[in-house]
Amino acid sequence: MAVLALAALFLAACAPSDPPPRSPFGEDDATSAATTGTPRPLPTFPATAAPTADGQPSDGGAATPPPADAQAEEARRERVVGEAISRMAEWTGVPETEIRPAQDTVAEPVEEVAWPSACLGVVSPTVTCAEVQTPGYRIALELSLDRDRPQFVHASRTGAYRWWGEFEATREVETVDLQGGVVTFTSVVPPDSPGADDIVGRRHRVLPGTDLAVPLADLEPGDRVRFASGYPLPGDDAGALTWLVRMQ
């Protein structure tokens, strides 16, 4: 019996023990780490990009869209410019394809303005305007790529448009060319100042958009008039009359 008991104890000691738990990194990685001391690589995950101050993700993703009110204002400005170009084409006879917002002569081709009256800043002696502040825009346009001599349109937010002449003066009529539609005014430069220049100019052309308070055929030499005029159109040397009235 003693011999059998010793044999049983010997067999139990020599029997294989339970296998160790398997490494979650795989059998090869566990063996390598245990035998060489090389650290196991840690699992990686995609990083979440932090947004910048302006809402643009730092990884170059899509920008945060502008607020709805900013989008609406931009769309309104585009409509105003498009309508101003259409009106200027009607007023001057220049094709719409040759008219665009001014590029270099003004800081902003479209300015938001609070006009002091319903006349939108275009006031002639024969027009009465409601004295009410009128929000709108001032649009500078180039005709036929003439960057040095822009034309200006004043607009309201409700859809009114006026052609604004940059030069305004009171003069006497010298001649009237009915066929060419040109009115020549007497010079205001003193005879003893031959080098002086009248910035308003003497010759001014009536165009489809000119607001005439008196028919051109009724103007006579010696008539005293008040008028506003813009720069000459491309290829012309006469100012572009925007409005004209005869003084009493």
Protein backbone atom coordinates (compact mmCIF):
# COMPACT_ATOMS: atom_id res chain seq x y z
CA MET A 1 0.00 0.00 0.00
CA ALA A 2 2.79 2.44 0.84
CA VAL A 3 4.38 1.77 -2.52
CA LEU A 4 1.09 2.49 -4.37
CA ALA A 5 0.59 5.75 -2.46
CA LEU A 6 4.09 6.98 -3.35
CA ALA A 7 3.50 6.12 -7.04
CA ALA A 8 0.25 8.14 -7.06
CA LEU A 9 1.98 11.16 -5.56
CA PHE A 10 4.77 10.91 -8.16
CA LEU A 11 2.31 10.80 -11.07
CA ALA A 12 0.36 13.81 -9.74
CA ALA A 13 3.52 15.91 -9.49
CA CYS A 14 4.53 15.11 -13.07
CA ALA A 15 1.06 15.81 -14.60
CA PRO A 16 0.85 19.07 -16.75
CA SER A 17 -0.75 22.08 -15.07
CA ASP A 18 -3.61 24.20 -16.58
CA PRO A 19 -2.42 26.34 -19.52
CA PRO A 20 -1.88 30.08 -18.80
CA PRO A 21 -4.47 32.58 -20.13
CA ARG A 22 -3.96 33.74 -23.74
CA SER A 23 -2.85 37.30 -24.33
CA PRO A 24 -5.43 39.61 -25.90
CA PHE A 25 -2.61 40.93 -28.16
CA GLY A 26 -2.08 37.55 -29.81
CA GLU A 27 0.23 34.67 -29.09
CA ASP A 28 3.21 36.10 -30.99
CA ASP A 29 3.01 39.53 -29.35
CA ALA A 30 2.74 38.04 -25.87
CA THR A 31 5.74 35.78 -26.47
CA SER A 32 7.81 38.65 -27.92
CA ALA A 33 7.02 40.93 -25.02
CA ALA A 34 7.81 38.26 -22.48
CA THR A 35 11.11 37.24 -24.05
CA THR A 36 12.53 40.50 -25.44
CA GLY A 37 11.02 43.16 -23.18
CA THR A 38 9.67 45.10 -26.24
CA PRO A 39 6.57 47.15 -25.26
CA ARG A 40 3.37 46.10 -26.94
CA PRO A 41 1.90 48.76 -29.28
CA LEU A 42 -1.18 50.40 -27.88
CA PRO A 43 -4.34 50.57 -30.03
CA THR A 44 -4.90 53.92 -31.79
CA PHE A 45 -8.16 55.80 -32.47
CA PRO A 46 -8.91 58.64 -34.95
CA ALA A 47 -8.50 62.06 -33.33
CA THR A 48 -11.38 64.54 -33.26
CA ALA A 49 -10.34 67.90 -34.76
CA ALA A 50 -10.93 70.88 -32.52
CA PRO A 51 -12.66 73.80 -34.26
CA THR A 52 -10.85 77.10 -34.70
CA ALA A 53 -12.17 80.45 -33.50
CA ASP A 54 -14.07 81.12 -36.74
CA GLY A 55 -15.84 77.77 -36.75
CA GLN A 56 -13.46 76.20 -39.32
CA PRO A 57 -12.31 72.71 -38.24
CA SER A 58 -8.55 72.53 -37.82
CA ASP A 59 -8.34 69.57 -40.23
CA GLY A 60 -9.63 71.71 -43.15
CA GLY A 61 -13.21 70.46 -43.10
CA ALA A 62 -16.25 72.42 -44.26
CA ALA A 63 -16.73 75.90 -42.76
CA THR A 64 -19.67 76.74 -40.59
CA PRO A 65 -22.30 78.33 -42.87
CA PRO A 66 -23.05 82.03 -42.28
CA PRO A 67 -26.20 82.97 -40.38
CA ALA A 68 -29.46 83.04 -42.32
CA ASP A 69 -29.81 86.84 -41.99
CA ALA A 70 -26.35 87.36 -43.52
CA GLN A 71 -27.25 85.09 -46.42
CA ALA A 72 -30.50 87.00 -46.96
CA GLU A 73 -28.68 90.36 -46.99
CA GLU A 74 -26.12 89.09 -49.49
CA ALA A 75 -28.89 87.83 -51.76
CA ARG A 76 -30.66 91.20 -51.48
CA ARG A 77 -27.48 93.05 -52.47
CA GLU A 78 -27.05 90.81 -55.52
CA ARG A 79 -30.61 91.57 -56.62
CA VAL A 80 -30.07 95.31 -56.11
CA VAL A 81 -26.88 95.31 -58.18
CA GLY A 82 -28.55 93.31 -60.95
CA GLU A 83 -31.47 95.73 -61.08
CA ALA A 84 -29.13 98.75 -60.99
CA ILE A 85 -27.26 97.37 -64.00
CA SER A 86 -30.55 96.86 -65.86
CA ARG A 87 -31.68 100.41 -65.07
CA MET A 88 -28.33 101.91 -66.13
CA ALA A 89 -28.53 100.04 -69.43
CA GLU A 90 -31.98 101.56 -70.03
CA TRP A 91 -30.87 105.06 -69.01
CA THR A 92 -27.69 105.16 -71.09
CA GLY A 93 -28.19 102.72 -73.95
CA VAL A 94 -25.06 100.79 -72.97
CA PRO A 95 -25.61 96.97 -73.10
CA GLU A 96 -25.93 95.22 -69.74
CA THR A 97 -23.01 92.97 -70.67
CA GLU A 98 -20.75 96.04 -70.65
CA ILE A 99 -21.79 97.23 -67.20
CA ARG A 100 -20.43 95.87 -63.93
CA PRO A 101 -19.84 97.01 -60.33
CA ALA A 102 -16.96 99.48 -60.06
CA GLN A 103 -13.62 97.89 -59.20
CA ASP A 104 -11.00 100.53 -58.41
CA THR A 105 -12.59 103.99 -58.15
CA VAL A 106 -14.53 103.39 -54.93
CA ALA A 107 -13.82 101.48 -51.73
CA GLU A 108 -17.09 99.54 -51.92
CA PRO A 109 -19.20 99.25 -55.10
CA VAL A 110 -22.33 98.72 -52.95
CA GLU A 111 -22.77 100.82 -49.83
CA GLU A 112 -25.65 100.60 -47.38
CA VAL A 113 -27.05 104.12 -46.87
CA ALA A 114 -29.83 105.80 -44.88
CA TRP A 115 -31.12 108.43 -47.34
CA PRO A 116 -32.46 111.60 -45.68
CA SER A 117 -35.63 111.59 -47.79
CA ALA A 118 -37.62 109.52 -50.26
CA CYS A 119 -35.71 111.24 -53.11
CA LEU A 120 -32.73 108.98 -52.31
CA GLY A 121 -30.26 111.85 -52.45
CA VAL A 122 -31.32 112.94 -55.97
CA VAL A 123 -33.03 116.28 -55.39
CA SER A 124 -34.06 118.75 -58.08
CA PRO A 125 -35.85 122.07 -57.53
CA THR A 126 -39.14 120.84 -59.04
CA VAL A 127 -39.44 117.61 -57.02
CA THR A 128 -40.99 117.38 -53.57
CA CYS A 129 -39.90 114.42 -51.47
CA ALA A 130 -41.26 112.91 -48.27
CA GLU A 131 -38.90 113.93 -45.48
CA VAL A 132 -38.52 110.44 -44.08
CA GLN A 133 -35.34 108.49 -43.58
CA THR A 134 -35.16 105.85 -46.29
CA PRO A 135 -32.79 102.89 -45.98
CA GLY A 136 -31.15 101.79 -49.20
CA TYR A 137 -27.97 101.47 -51.22
CA ARG A 138 -25.49 103.48 -53.27
CA ILE A 139 -24.18 101.47 -56.23
CA ALA A 140 -21.14 102.46 -58.31
CA LEU A 141 -21.01 101.01 -61.83
CA GLU A 142 -18.41 100.88 -64.59
CA LEU A 143 -19.55 101.19 -68.20
CA SER A 144 -17.55 99.49 -70.96
CA LEU A 145 -14.67 98.88 -68.54
CA ASP A 146 -14.20 102.63 -68.03
CA ARG A 147 -12.74 102.40 -64.52
CA ASP A 148 -11.96 106.09 -64.17
CA ARG A 149 -15.50 107.48 -64.64
CA PRO A 150 -18.14 105.51 -62.72
CA GLN A 151 -21.88 106.12 -62.84
CA PHE A 152 -23.94 106.00 -59.65
CA VAL A 153 -27.35 104.54 -58.85
CA HIS A 154 -29.20 105.32 -55.62
CA ALA A 155 -31.71 102.70 -54.50
CA SER A 156 -34.13 102.03 -51.67
CA ARG A 157 -34.71 98.67 -50.04
CA THR A 158 -38.27 98.77 -51.37
CA GLY A 159 -37.29 98.89 -55.05
CA ALA A 160 -36.95 102.58 -56.03
CA TYR A 161 -33.97 103.55 -58.20
CA ARG A 162 -32.55 106.97 -59.14
CA TRP A 163 -29.64 108.00 -61.36
CA TRP A 164 -27.35 110.31 -59.40
CA GLY A 165 -25.27 112.98 -61.16
CA GLU A 166 -22.01 113.71 -59.43
CA PHE A 167 -21.87 117.32 -60.68
CA GLU A 168 -24.62 119.86 -60.05
CA ALA A 169 -24.66 123.47 -61.23
CA THR A 170 -26.71 126.46 -62.40
CA ARG A 171 -25.84 127.75 -65.89
CA GLU A 172 -27.20 129.66 -68.87
CA VAL A 173 -27.93 127.82 -72.10
CA GLU A 174 -25.69 128.81 -75.00
CA THR A 175 -26.83 126.40 -77.72
CA VAL A 176 -29.15 123.41 -78.09
CA ASP A 177 -28.38 120.62 -80.58
CA LEU A 178 -31.71 118.86 -81.01
CA GLN A 179 -30.38 116.21 -83.39
CA GLY A 180 -27.42 115.26 -81.23
CA GLY A 181 -29.23 115.87 -77.95
CA VAL A 182 -26.46 118.10 -76.60
CA VAL A 183 -26.90 121.25 -74.54
CA THR A 184 -23.96 123.66 -74.38
CA PHE A 185 -23.81 126.08 -71.47
CA THR A 186 -21.99 129.38 -71.28
CA SER A 187 -18.56 129.29 -69.71
CA VAL A 188 -18.17 130.33 -66.09
CA VAL A 189 -14.40 130.62 -66.38
CA PRO A 190 -13.38 134.31 -66.26
CA PRO A 191 -11.93 135.58 -69.56
CA ASP A 192 -8.77 136.66 -67.78
CA SER A 193 -8.11 133.05 -66.59
CA PRO A 194 -7.35 131.15 -69.80
CA GLY A 195 -5.78 128.23 -67.95
CA ALA A 196 -8.73 127.70 -65.58
CA ASP A 197 -11.04 124.72 -65.94
CA ASP A 198 -14.74 124.29 -65.24
CA ILE A 199 -14.99 120.86 -63.63
CA VAL A 200 -18.67 120.61 -64.56
CA GLY A 201 -17.94 121.16 -68.23
CA ARG A 202 -19.93 123.02 -70.88
CA ARG A 203 -21.33 120.25 -73.11
CA HIS A 204 -23.87 117.78 -71.71
CA ARG A 205 -25.86 115.08 -73.48
CA VAL A 206 -29.51 114.17 -73.00
CA LEU A 207 -29.88 110.38 -72.67
CA PRO A 208 -32.90 108.05 -72.42
CA GLY A 209 -32.76 108.24 -68.61
CA THR A 210 -32.42 112.03 -68.36
CA ASP A 211 -35.21 113.59 -66.31
CA LEU A 212 -36.10 116.77 -68.22
CA ALA A 213 -38.54 119.14 -66.52
CA VAL A 214 -38.75 121.08 -69.80
CA PRO A 215 -38.69 119.54 -73.31
CA LEU A 216 -35.36 119.92 -75.04
CA ALA A 217 -37.04 121.68 -77.98
CA ASP A 218 -38.35 124.36 -75.60
CA LEU A 219 -34.92 125.33 -74.32
CA GLU A 220 -33.55 128.54 -75.79
CA PRO A 221 -30.22 130.35 -75.59
CA GLY A 222 -30.12 132.52 -72.51
CA ASP A 223 -32.40 130.24 -70.44
CA ARG A 224 -31.09 129.78 -66.92
CA VAL A 225 -31.21 126.16 -65.84
CA ARG A 226 -30.25 123.96 -62.93
CA PHE A 227 -28.94 120.50 -63.78
CA ALA A 228 -27.05 117.47 -62.54
CA SER A 229 -24.67 115.48 -64.67
CA GLY A 230 -22.41 112.46 -64.43
CA TYR A 231 -19.17 111.63 -66.17
CA PRO A 232 -19.28 111.35 -69.99
CA LEU A 233 -20.08 107.89 -71.29
CA PRO A 234 -17.25 105.90 -72.89
CA GLY A 235 -16.36 107.41 -76.26
CA ASP A 236 -18.20 110.67 -75.56
CA ASP A 237 -16.94 114.09 -74.51
CA ALA A 238 -20.25 115.44 -73.19
CA GLY A 239 -21.40 114.96 -69.63
CA ALA A 240 -24.31 112.59 -69.03
CA LEU A 241 -27.29 114.70 -67.96
CA THR A 242 -29.28 113.02 -65.19
CA TRP A 243 -31.85 115.82 -64.70
CA LEU A 244 -32.45 119.41 -65.83
CA VAL A 245 -34.96 122.11 -64.86
CA ARG A 246 -35.46 125.65 -66.10
CA MET A 247 -35.19 128.30 -63.41
CA GLN A 248 -37.88 131.00 -63.17
